[in-house]
């Protein structure tokens, strides 16, 4: 049996709540009225007993009537009155046979001077009277007309009202639950209509309560991110196909030309050089794509260890300057903390080396020989690295796309590169729980700030791995 859906559960909860309140109220009314009629009938029956004492015994004995004579009421339903001498022959059994009350009733009456008893629908009330003519037991019994008729009528009315209330409660619960879940059903229906072909469609936020508007807004925010991810993926596939197809086309074309007819040794050497160059480009692009995919899945977490950022930056500076003597890198260590442990982060040294190399190489490449300044500082919980260059800068419209794979600004056509370095760097920084912020101005320069959390200091350094080359 399938699970009950939330709509049905809510309907049952509302219906159960309504009916519980109604039944409790009906029960309270019924018990209150029934208890009141019992007490009132007992009071009336007691007045009948006392009137019997006054008129049946005290007047015969010459005593003045008591104050209860004025309270005398009409006879009760099926009333039976008895005045029995206490020393009646046969005792309690004979009295019981005469009145219909059990012997225990008379035993209590003679012992305590008064007694009550209810048998079936008949109530018994008794008093012990001692006068000049001896002790007598005065017993009055009657049927509780109010309980037999009025309370029974009330019970029927309450049960009928409870049935009507159940129907009304069911209708109200169904109406409330439908009204409550109608906006949710509308949102669910709108979500079901959204697919890969219409990710631009959004959920209406103009109706419903604040919570429902917040839910719709959350769905729309999620759809924004999904749409962005789909567009990025489509652009990535399109650009990757183009970037990989270009060197492959060149290699195949050169090979076809070389094999179309016999060539001289010099021509074959020239063709092989072109093929080798294009194969090198293809190899770099393939490695870049593999690194980008690897960092996107945080696969290097198992090789994390303690890394000192100042030492890592010296290593990166040496690598960058060794790759091209025209690259000038200036390290600013004026803000180093007194405690060197605050320079240590928990990370993968090879991936961090790759990330910083990409950023510094970009600064050097686009600065046309001008020095790139790398500043290192710390806060209470963060290590901050700032890379500044005075290069060509990035246009304001291009800043929103710098993390799209293969994207390159309009002013970078004269520079080599594939547009993978910054996306790869961002993936690595995010893998380490850090943040990267890029600000730039055309013909003024670019500033890249990388922030990494300071790691715990009692961890054992992770396993070393071969260092990767920077990716452009």
Protein backbone atom coordinates (compact mmCIF):
# COMPACT_ATOMS: atom_id res chain seq x y z
CA UNK A 1 0.00 0.00 0.00
CA UNK A 2 1.42 3.35 -1.03
CA UNK A 3 2.17 6.00 1.51
CA UNK A 4 -0.56 8.50 2.28
CA UNK A 5 0.20 11.81 0.59
CA UNK A 6 0.50 15.02 2.59
CA UNK A 7 -2.81 16.37 1.24
CA UNK A 8 -4.73 13.38 2.63
CA UNK A 9 -2.82 13.49 5.92
CA UNK A 10 -3.62 17.16 6.34
CA UNK A 11 -7.28 16.51 5.53
CA UNK A 12 -7.44 13.78 8.18
CA UNK A 13 -5.60 15.91 10.74
CA UNK A 14 -8.00 18.84 10.23
CA UNK A 15 -11.03 16.56 10.30
CA UNK A 16 -9.76 14.77 13.40
CA UNK A 17 -9.06 18.07 15.13
CA UNK A 18 -12.52 19.46 14.34
CA UNK A 19 -14.29 16.29 15.45
CA UNK A 20 -12.23 16.02 18.63
CA UNK A 21 -13.22 19.54 19.66
CA UNK A 22 -16.88 18.93 18.74
CA UNK A 23 -17.08 15.61 20.58
CA UNK A 24 -15.35 17.01 23.65
CA UNK A 25 -17.77 19.94 23.70
CA UNK A 26 -20.80 17.63 23.19
CA UNK A 27 -19.57 15.30 25.92
CA UNK A 28 -19.06 18.20 28.28
CA UNK A 29 -22.60 19.48 27.62
CA UNK A 30 -24.12 16.02 28.02
CA UNK A 31 -22.29 15.22 31.26
CA UNK A 32 -23.02 18.67 32.68
CA UNK A 33 -26.76 18.44 31.95
CA UNK A 34 -26.97 14.83 33.12
CA UNK A 35 -25.14 15.63 36.35
CA UNK A 36 -27.30 18.68 36.94
CA UNK A 37 -30.56 16.72 36.39
CA UNK A 38 -29.37 14.02 38.79
CA UNK A 39 -28.56 16.56 41.49
CA UNK A 40 -31.80 18.45 40.91
CA UNK A 41 -33.87 15.26 41.02
CA UNK A 42 -32.13 14.17 44.21
CA UNK A 43 -33.00 17.54 45.73
CA UNK A 44 -36.64 17.16 44.72
CA UNK A 45 -36.79 13.60 46.05
CA UNK A 46 -35.28 14.77 49.32
CA UNK A 47 -37.98 17.45 49.57
CA UNK A 48 -40.61 14.72 49.07
CA UNK A 49 -39.11 12.66 51.87
CA UNK A 50 -39.05 15.64 54.21
CA UNK A 51 -42.60 16.56 53.30
CA UNK A 52 -43.63 13.03 54.23
CA UNK A 53 -41.92 13.46 57.58
CA UNK A 54 -43.74 16.74 58.17
CA UNK A 55 -47.21 15.75 56.96
CA UNK A 56 -47.16 12.05 57.60
CA UNK A 57 -45.60 11.93 61.04
CA UNK A 58 -45.04 15.26 62.77
CA UNK A 59 -48.61 16.56 62.17
CA UNK A 60 -50.03 13.29 63.51
CA UNK A 61 -47.80 13.63 66.57
CA UNK A 62 -49.05 17.18 67.17
CA UNK A 63 -45.85 19.02 66.12
CA UNK A 64 -46.04 22.22 64.12
CA UNK A 65 -45.35 21.96 60.40
CA UNK A 66 -41.73 22.58 59.46
CA UNK A 67 -40.46 25.24 57.06
CA UNK A 68 -40.34 22.76 54.16
CA UNK A 69 -44.09 22.70 53.82
CA UNK A 70 -43.92 25.85 51.70
CA UNK A 71 -41.53 24.08 49.33
CA UNK A 72 -43.85 21.18 48.70
CA UNK A 73 -43.90 20.22 45.04
CA UNK A 74 -46.12 18.10 42.84
CA UNK A 75 -45.70 14.39 43.01
CA UNK A 76 -42.85 13.00 40.98
CA UNK A 77 -43.10 10.51 38.14
CA UNK A 78 -44.28 7.09 39.41
CA UNK A 79 -43.61 8.20 42.98
CA UNK A 80 -44.01 5.67 45.78
CA UNK A 81 -43.92 6.76 49.42
CA UNK A 82 -43.49 4.51 52.48
CA UNK A 83 -43.44 5.14 56.22
CA UNK A 84 -42.17 2.03 57.94
CA UNK A 85 -41.68 1.41 61.66
CA UNK A 86 -38.10 0.70 62.45
CA UNK A 87 -39.04 -2.40 64.44
CA UNK A 88 -41.06 -3.80 61.61
CA UNK A 89 -41.40 -7.56 61.74
CA UNK A 90 -38.99 -9.22 59.35
CA UNK A 91 -36.59 -6.28 59.43
CA UNK A 92 -34.68 -5.11 56.34
CA UNK A 93 -35.84 -8.01 54.19
CA UNK A 94 -39.51 -7.26 54.74
CA UNK A 95 -38.87 -3.55 54.17
CA UNK A 96 -37.03 -4.40 50.93
CA UNK A 97 -39.90 -6.54 49.72
CA UNK A 98 -42.36 -3.75 50.53
CA UNK A 99 -40.49 -0.88 48.83
CA UNK A 100 -38.44 -2.61 46.10
CA UNK A 101 -35.17 -1.29 47.54
CA UNK A 102 -32.40 -3.75 48.47
CA UNK A 103 -31.87 -4.74 52.12
CA UNK A 104 -28.48 -2.98 52.12
CA UNK A 105 -30.31 0.32 51.60
CA UNK A 106 -32.26 -0.11 54.86
CA UNK A 107 -29.17 -1.30 56.68
CA UNK A 108 -27.40 1.96 55.79
CA UNK A 109 -30.53 3.97 56.53
CA UNK A 110 -30.86 2.56 60.06
CA UNK A 111 -27.14 2.97 60.70
CA UNK A 112 -26.58 6.49 59.36
CA UNK A 113 -30.03 8.03 59.52
CA UNK A 114 -30.29 8.60 55.77
CA UNK A 115 -29.48 6.72 52.58
CA UNK A 116 -29.63 6.95 48.79
CA UNK A 117 -29.89 4.26 46.17
CA UNK A 118 -30.40 4.07 42.39
CA UNK A 119 -31.73 0.89 40.83
CA UNK A 120 -32.43 0.87 37.11
CA UNK A 121 -34.09 4.22 36.45
CA UNK A 122 -35.61 4.49 39.95
CA UNK A 123 -34.10 6.62 42.70
CA UNK A 124 -34.62 5.88 46.41
CA UNK A 125 -34.22 8.39 49.22
CA UNK A 126 -34.70 7.52 52.90
CA UNK A 127 -34.65 9.35 56.29
CA UNK A 128 -34.82 8.03 59.87
CA UNK A 129 -37.36 9.92 61.99
CA UNK A 130 -37.58 9.51 65.75
CA UNK A 131 -40.67 10.92 67.43
CA UNK A 132 -43.03 10.33 70.34
CA UNK A 133 -44.58 7.39 68.52
CA UNK A 134 -41.23 5.73 67.96
CA UNK A 135 -38.67 5.55 65.16
CA UNK A 136 -39.86 5.34 61.58
CA UNK A 137 -38.14 4.92 58.24
CA UNK A 138 -39.52 7.34 55.65
CA UNK A 139 -38.74 6.22 52.08
CA UNK A 140 -39.67 7.93 48.80
CA UNK A 141 -38.85 6.55 45.38
CA UNK A 142 -39.54 7.80 41.85
CA UNK A 143 -38.34 7.60 38.28
CA UNK A 144 -36.09 10.42 37.07
CA UNK A 145 -38.36 11.79 34.39
CA UNK A 146 -35.79 14.38 33.30
CA UNK A 147 -33.10 11.76 32.75
CA UNK A 148 -35.50 9.38 31.03
CA UNK A 149 -36.89 11.99 28.66
CA UNK A 150 -35.00 15.27 28.58
CA UNK A 151 -31.49 13.86 28.82
CA UNK A 152 -32.33 11.11 26.34
CA UNK A 153 -33.68 13.76 24.00
CA UNK A 154 -30.51 15.80 24.54
CA UNK A 155 -28.35 12.75 23.76
CA UNK A 156 -30.19 12.16 20.49
CA UNK A 157 -29.84 15.81 19.53
CA UNK A 158 -26.13 15.82 20.36
CA UNK A 159 -25.52 12.68 18.33
CA UNK A 160 -27.45 14.17 15.41
CA UNK A 161 -25.56 17.43 15.75
CA UNK A 162 -22.27 15.49 15.87
CA UNK A 163 -23.21 13.77 12.61
CA UNK A 164 -24.05 17.07 10.95
CA UNK A 165 -20.85 18.57 12.39
CA UNK A 166 -18.87 15.66 10.95
CA UNK A 167 -20.21 16.38 7.46
CA UNK A 168 -19.55 20.11 7.85
CA UNK A 169 -16.10 19.44 9.29
CA UNK A 170 -15.30 17.13 6.38
CA UNK A 171 -16.35 19.80 3.87
CA UNK A 172 -14.44 22.54 5.73
CA UNK A 173 -11.33 20.36 6.11
CA UNK A 174 -11.45 19.48 2.41
CA UNK A 175 -11.89 23.14 1.51
CA UNK A 176 -9.07 24.32 3.78
CA UNK A 177 -6.67 21.58 2.70
CA UNK A 178 -7.44 22.21 -0.97
CA UNK A 179 -7.00 25.95 -0.51
CA UNK A 180 -3.79 25.38 1.43
CA UNK A 181 -2.20 23.06 -1.13
CA UNK A 182 -3.55 24.67 -4.29
CA UNK A 183 -0.54 27.03 -4.59
CA UNK A 184 1.81 24.09 -3.98
CA UNK A 185 0.09 22.08 -6.71
CA UNK A 186 0.38 25.11 -9.00
CA UNK A 187 4.11 25.41 -8.26
CA UNK A 188 4.59 21.66 -8.76
CA UNK A 189 2.76 21.81 -12.10
CA UNK A 190 4.89 24.73 -13.25
CA UNK A 191 8.07 22.91 -12.20
CA UNK A 192 6.99 19.77 -14.10
CA UNK A 193 6.58 21.85 -17.27
CA UNK A 194 10.20 23.07 -17.10
CA UNK A 195 12.73 20.99 -18.99
CA UNK A 196 16.06 21.37 -20.75
CA UNK A 197 14.32 22.96 -23.73
CA UNK A 198 12.68 25.79 -21.70
CA UNK A 199 14.99 26.45 -18.76
CA UNK A 200 14.28 30.16 -19.19
CA UNK A 201 10.76 29.65 -17.82
CA UNK A 202 10.21 30.72 -14.19
CA UNK A 203 7.63 30.18 -11.44
CA UNK A 204 5.21 33.02 -10.66
CA UNK A 205 5.94 34.69 -7.31
CA UNK A 206 3.09 37.19 -7.24
CA UNK A 207 0.52 35.08 -5.33
CA UNK A 208 0.34 33.15 -2.07
CA UNK A 209 1.74 33.68 1.40
CA UNK A 210 5.22 34.89 2.21
CA UNK A 211 6.41 31.29 2.69
CA UNK A 212 5.07 30.25 -0.73
CA UNK A 213 6.63 33.29 -2.40
CA UNK A 214 9.92 32.38 -0.72
CA UNK A 215 9.59 28.80 -1.99
CA UNK A 216 8.90 30.01 -5.52
CA UNK A 217 11.84 32.41 -5.28
CA UNK A 218 14.09 29.55 -4.14
CA UNK A 219 12.99 27.43 -7.09
CA UNK A 220 13.65 30.31 -9.47
CA UNK A 221 17.10 30.85 -7.98
CA UNK A 222 17.84 27.15 -8.46
CA UNK A 223 16.60 27.36 -12.06
CA UNK A 224 18.89 30.34 -12.63
CA UNK A 225 21.87 28.29 -11.53
CA UNK A 226 20.78 25.24 -13.54
CA UNK A 227 20.28 27.37 -16.64
CA UNK A 228 23.70 28.94 -16.16
CA UNK A 229 25.25 25.50 -15.69
CA UNK A 230 23.57 24.18 -18.85
CA UNK A 231 24.70 27.18 -20.86
CA UNK A 232 28.22 26.83 -19.50
CA UNK A 233 28.23 23.12 -20.34
CA UNK A 234 26.95 23.76 -23.85
CA UNK A 235 29.54 26.47 -24.40
CA UNK A 236 32.23 24.22 -22.95
CA UNK A 237 31.33 21.33 -25.28
CA UNK A 238 31.12 23.64 -28.28
CA UNK A 239 34.41 25.37 -27.52
CA UNK A 240 36.17 22.14 -26.55
CA UNK A 241 35.08 20.52 -29.80
CA UNK A 242 36.35 23.51 -31.76
CA UNK A 243 39.64 23.73 -29.85
CA UNK A 244 40.38 20.02 -30.26
CA UNK A 245 39.18 19.86 -33.86
CA UNK A 246 41.49 22.68 -35.03
CA UNK A 247 44.85 20.95 -34.34
CA UNK A 248 43.44 17.60 -35.47
CA UNK A 249 42.33 19.15 -38.76
CA UNK A 250 45.78 20.70 -39.22
CA UNK A 251 47.52 17.39 -38.49
CA UNK A 252 45.28 15.45 -40.87
CA UNK A 253 45.62 18.12 -43.56
CA UNK A 254 49.40 18.19 -43.35
CA UNK A 255 49.56 14.40 -43.47
CA UNK A 256 47.24 14.27 -46.51
CA UNK A 257 49.29 16.88 -48.35
CA UNK A 258 52.53 15.08 -47.54
CA UNK A 259 51.15 11.74 -48.75
CA UNK A 260 49.45 13.09 -51.87
CA UNK A 261 52.70 12.74 -53.90
CA UNK A 262 56.38 12.02 -53.33
CA UNK A 263 58.17 14.83 -51.46
CA UNK A 264 61.72 15.79 -50.78
CA UNK A 265 63.33 15.11 -47.43
CA UNK A 266 63.16 18.83 -46.55
CA UNK A 267 59.43 18.91 -47.28
CA UNK A 268 58.83 15.83 -45.13
CA UNK A 269 60.82 17.42 -42.30
CA UNK A 270 58.80 20.63 -42.62
CA UNK A 271 55.52 18.65 -42.57
CA UNK A 272 56.61 16.68 -39.52
CA UNK A 273 57.50 19.91 -37.72
CA UNK A 274 54.01 21.30 -38.39
CA UNK A 275 52.41 18.04 -37.24
CA UNK A 276 54.60 17.99 -34.12
CA UNK A 277 53.67 21.58 -33.29
CA UNK A 278 49.95 20.94 -33.74
CA UNK A 279 50.22 17.69 -31.75
CA UNK A 280 51.86 19.67 -28.95
CA UNK A 281 48.95 22.12 -28.95
CA UNK A 282 46.53 19.20 -28.88
CA UNK A 283 48.40 17.59 -25.98
CA UNK A 284 48.30 20.81 -23.93
CA UNK A 285 44.61 21.33 -24.56
CA UNK A 286 43.81 17.72 -23.66
CA UNK A 287 45.78 17.95 -20.42
CA UNK A 288 44.07 21.23 -19.61
CA UNK A 289 40.66 19.67 -20.08
CA UNK A 290 41.61 16.69 -17.91
CA UNK A 291 42.89 18.96 -15.13
CA UNK A 292 39.74 21.07 -15.35
CA UNK A 293 37.52 17.99 -15.06
CA UNK A 294 39.61 16.55 -12.21
CA UNK A 295 39.46 19.70 -10.09
CA UNK A 296 35.73 20.00 -10.73
CA UNK A 297 35.19 16.76 -8.77
CA UNK A 298 37.56 17.49 -5.83
CA UNK A 299 39.49 14.32 -6.49
CA UNK A 300 42.70 15.51 -4.84
CA UNK A 301 41.31 15.65 -1.32
CA UNK A 302 43.08 12.47 -0.23
CA UNK A 303 46.51 14.04 -0.95
CA UNK A 304 46.00 17.11 1.22
CA UNK A 305 48.68 18.10 3.69
CA UNK A 306 50.28 21.15 5.27
CA UNK A 307 51.54 23.69 2.74
CA UNK A 308 53.47 26.89 3.58
CA UNK A 309 52.27 29.53 1.16
CA UNK A 310 55.40 31.72 1.37
CA UNK A 311 57.63 28.83 0.37
CA UNK A 312 55.18 27.83 -2.33
CA UNK A 313 55.22 31.36 -3.82
CA UNK A 314 59.03 31.37 -3.94
CA UNK A 315 58.83 28.05 -5.77
CA UNK A 316 56.21 29.43 -8.19
CA UNK A 317 58.33 32.56 -8.84
CA UNK A 318 61.31 30.37 -9.71
CA UNK A 319 59.22 28.22 -12.05
CA UNK A 320 57.65 31.20 -13.85
CA UNK A 321 60.98 33.01 -14.38
CA UNK A 322 62.63 29.79 -15.53
CA UNK A 323 59.95 29.30 -18.18
CA UNK A 324 60.67 32.72 -19.73
CA UNK A 325 63.48 35.07 -18.74
CA UNK A 326 61.33 38.06 -19.70
CA UNK A 327 58.93 37.32 -16.86
CA UNK A 328 59.55 39.59 -13.87
CA UNK A 329 57.94 38.65 -10.53
CA UNK A 330 58.34 40.73 -7.36
CA UNK A 331 57.37 39.10 -4.05
CA UNK A 332 56.17 41.49 -1.35
CA UNK A 333 56.61 39.79 2.04
CA UNK A 334 56.35 42.93 4.17
CA UNK A 335 53.09 41.77 5.77
CA UNK A 336 54.27 38.35 6.93
CA UNK A 337 53.01 37.38 10.40
CA UNK A 338 55.35 36.78 13.31
CA UNK A 339 53.97 33.28 13.73
CA UNK A 340 54.94 31.24 10.64
CA UNK A 341 52.26 28.62 11.34
CA UNK A 342 49.66 31.16 10.19
CA UNK A 343 51.11 30.78 6.68
CA UNK A 344 50.23 27.09 6.52
CA UNK A 345 47.10 25.82 4.79
CA UNK A 346 45.67 22.36 4.39
CA UNK A 347 45.91 21.56 0.71
CA UNK A 348 47.45 19.77 -2.24
CA UNK A 349 50.80 21.43 -2.93
CA UNK A 350 50.92 20.49 -6.62
CA UNK A 351 47.44 21.84 -7.35
CA UNK A 352 48.07 25.07 -5.43
CA UNK A 353 51.36 25.47 -7.33
CA UNK A 354 49.39 25.08 -10.55
CA UNK A 355 46.75 27.64 -9.49
CA UNK A 356 49.24 30.36 -8.47
CA UNK A 357 51.38 29.67 -11.55
CA UNK A 358 48.39 30.21 -13.84
CA UNK A 359 47.53 33.56 -12.25
CA UNK A 360 51.13 34.86 -12.18
CA UNK A 361 51.84 33.64 -15.73
CA UNK A 362 48.73 35.46 -16.97
CA UNK A 363 49.93 38.63 -15.27
CA UNK A 364 53.37 38.31 -16.86
CA UNK A 365 52.01 37.40 -20.29
CA UNK A 366 49.60 40.33 -20.52
CA UNK A 367 52.00 42.86 -18.93
CA UNK A 368 54.45 42.92 -21.88
CA UNK A 369 57.58 42.58 -19.75
CA UNK A 370 56.46 44.77 -16.85
CA UNK A 371 56.94 43.32 -13.36
CA UNK A 372 54.11 41.52 -11.57
CA UNK A 373 53.79 42.11 -7.83
CA UNK A 374 52.74 39.22 -5.57
CA UNK A 375 51.84 40.26 -2.02
CA UNK A 376 51.33 37.86 0.87
CA UNK A 377 49.48 38.61 4.10
CA UNK A 378 47.29 36.92 6.71
CA UNK A 379 44.23 37.58 8.84
CA UNK A 380 43.10 35.62 11.89
CA UNK A 381 41.77 32.70 9.84
CA UNK A 382 42.90 33.36 6.26
CA UNK A 383 46.01 33.52 4.10
CA UNK A 384 45.67 36.22 1.46
CA UNK A 385 47.66 36.37 -1.78
CA UNK A 386 47.25 39.39 -4.09
CA UNK A 387 48.69 39.35 -7.64
CA UNK A 388 48.85 42.76 -9.39
CA UNK A 389 49.96 43.51 -12.91
CA UNK A 390 50.05 46.61 -15.09
CA UNK A 391 48.99 44.91 -18.28
CA UNK A 392 46.23 45.26 -20.83
CA UNK A 393 43.45 44.61 -18.30
CA UNK A 394 40.04 43.03 -18.82
CA UNK A 395 37.02 44.82 -20.25
CA UNK A 396 34.11 45.28 -17.82
CA UNK A 397 31.76 43.27 -20.05
CA UNK A 398 34.24 40.38 -20.15
CA UNK A 399 34.68 40.09 -16.37
CA UNK A 400 31.44 38.10 -16.05
CA UNK A 401 32.79 35.41 -18.43
CA UNK A 402 36.40 34.99 -17.32
CA UNK A 403 35.58 31.66 -15.63
CA UNK A 404 33.91 30.20 -18.73
CA UNK A 405 36.22 27.56 -20.24
CA UNK A 406 37.90 28.71 -23.47
CA UNK A 407 36.62 32.27 -23.09
CA UNK A 408 39.15 34.94 -24.03
CA UNK A 409 38.71 38.68 -23.99
CA UNK A 410 38.50 40.71 -27.18
CA UNK A 411 41.85 42.41 -26.41
CA UNK A 412 43.78 39.10 -26.08
CA UNK A 413 43.90 38.09 -29.74
CA UNK A 414 47.60 38.84 -30.01
CA UNK A 415 48.46 36.57 -27.05
CA UNK A 416 48.67 32.78 -26.88
CA UNK A 417 46.33 30.89 -24.61
CA UNK A 418 43.29 28.64 -24.43
CA UNK A 419 41.08 30.31 -21.82
CA UNK A 420 41.32 27.42 -19.35
CA UNK A 421 43.74 28.83 -16.76
CA UNK A 422 41.30 30.90 -14.69
CA UNK A 423 38.48 28.28 -14.64
CA UNK A 424 41.03 25.72 -13.52
CA UNK A 425 42.42 28.07 -10.86
CA UNK A 426 38.96 28.80 -9.50
CA UNK A 427 38.20 25.07 -9.24
CA UNK A 428 41.42 24.49 -7.31
CA UNK A 429 40.79 27.42 -4.96
CA UNK A 430 37.23 26.26 -4.28
CA UNK A 431 38.50 22.73 -3.66
CA UNK A 432 40.62 24.19 -0.87
CA UNK A 433 37.72 26.15 0.64
CA UNK A 434 39.07 29.45 -0.63
CA UNK A 435 37.87 32.35 -2.73
CA UNK A 436 39.19 34.15 -5.79
CA UNK A 437 38.27 37.74 -6.68
CA UNK A 438 39.33 39.42 -9.93
CA UNK A 439 39.15 43.17 -10.55
CA UNK A 440 40.51 44.87 -13.62
CA UNK A 441 40.53 47.99 -15.75
CA UNK A 442 41.48 48.15 -19.39
CA UNK A 443 45.04 49.53 -20.01
CA UNK A 444 45.53 49.90 -16.24
CA UNK A 445 46.00 46.33 -15.04
CA UNK A 446 44.43 43.42 -13.21
CA UNK A 447 44.33 42.45 -9.54
CA UNK A 448 43.64 38.88 -8.47
CA UNK A 449 43.06 38.15 -4.78
CA UNK A 450 43.16 34.54 -3.59
CA UNK A 451 42.08 33.77 -0.03
CA UNK A 452 42.67 30.38 1.61
CA UNK A 453 41.71 29.20 5.11
CA UNK A 454 44.51 28.58 7.58
CA UNK A 455 44.67 24.85 8.22
CA UNK A 456 45.14 22.86 11.45
CA UNK A 457 48.77 22.50 12.47
CA UNK A 458 48.81 18.95 13.81
CA UNK A 459 48.26 17.17 10.49
CA UNK A 460 50.91 15.04 8.82
CA UNK A 461 51.91 16.31 5.40
CA UNK A 462 50.31 14.47 2.51
CA UNK A 463 52.09 12.33 -0.03
CA UNK A 464 54.09 14.26 -2.58
CA UNK A 465 53.26 13.90 -6.25
CA UNK A 466 54.94 15.06 -9.46
CA UNK A 467 54.37 18.75 -10.07
CA UNK A 468 52.17 19.71 -13.02
CA UNK A 469 52.95 22.36 -15.56
CA UNK A 470 50.84 25.53 -15.58
CA UNK A 471 47.88 25.56 -17.95
CA UNK A 472 47.11 28.63 -19.95
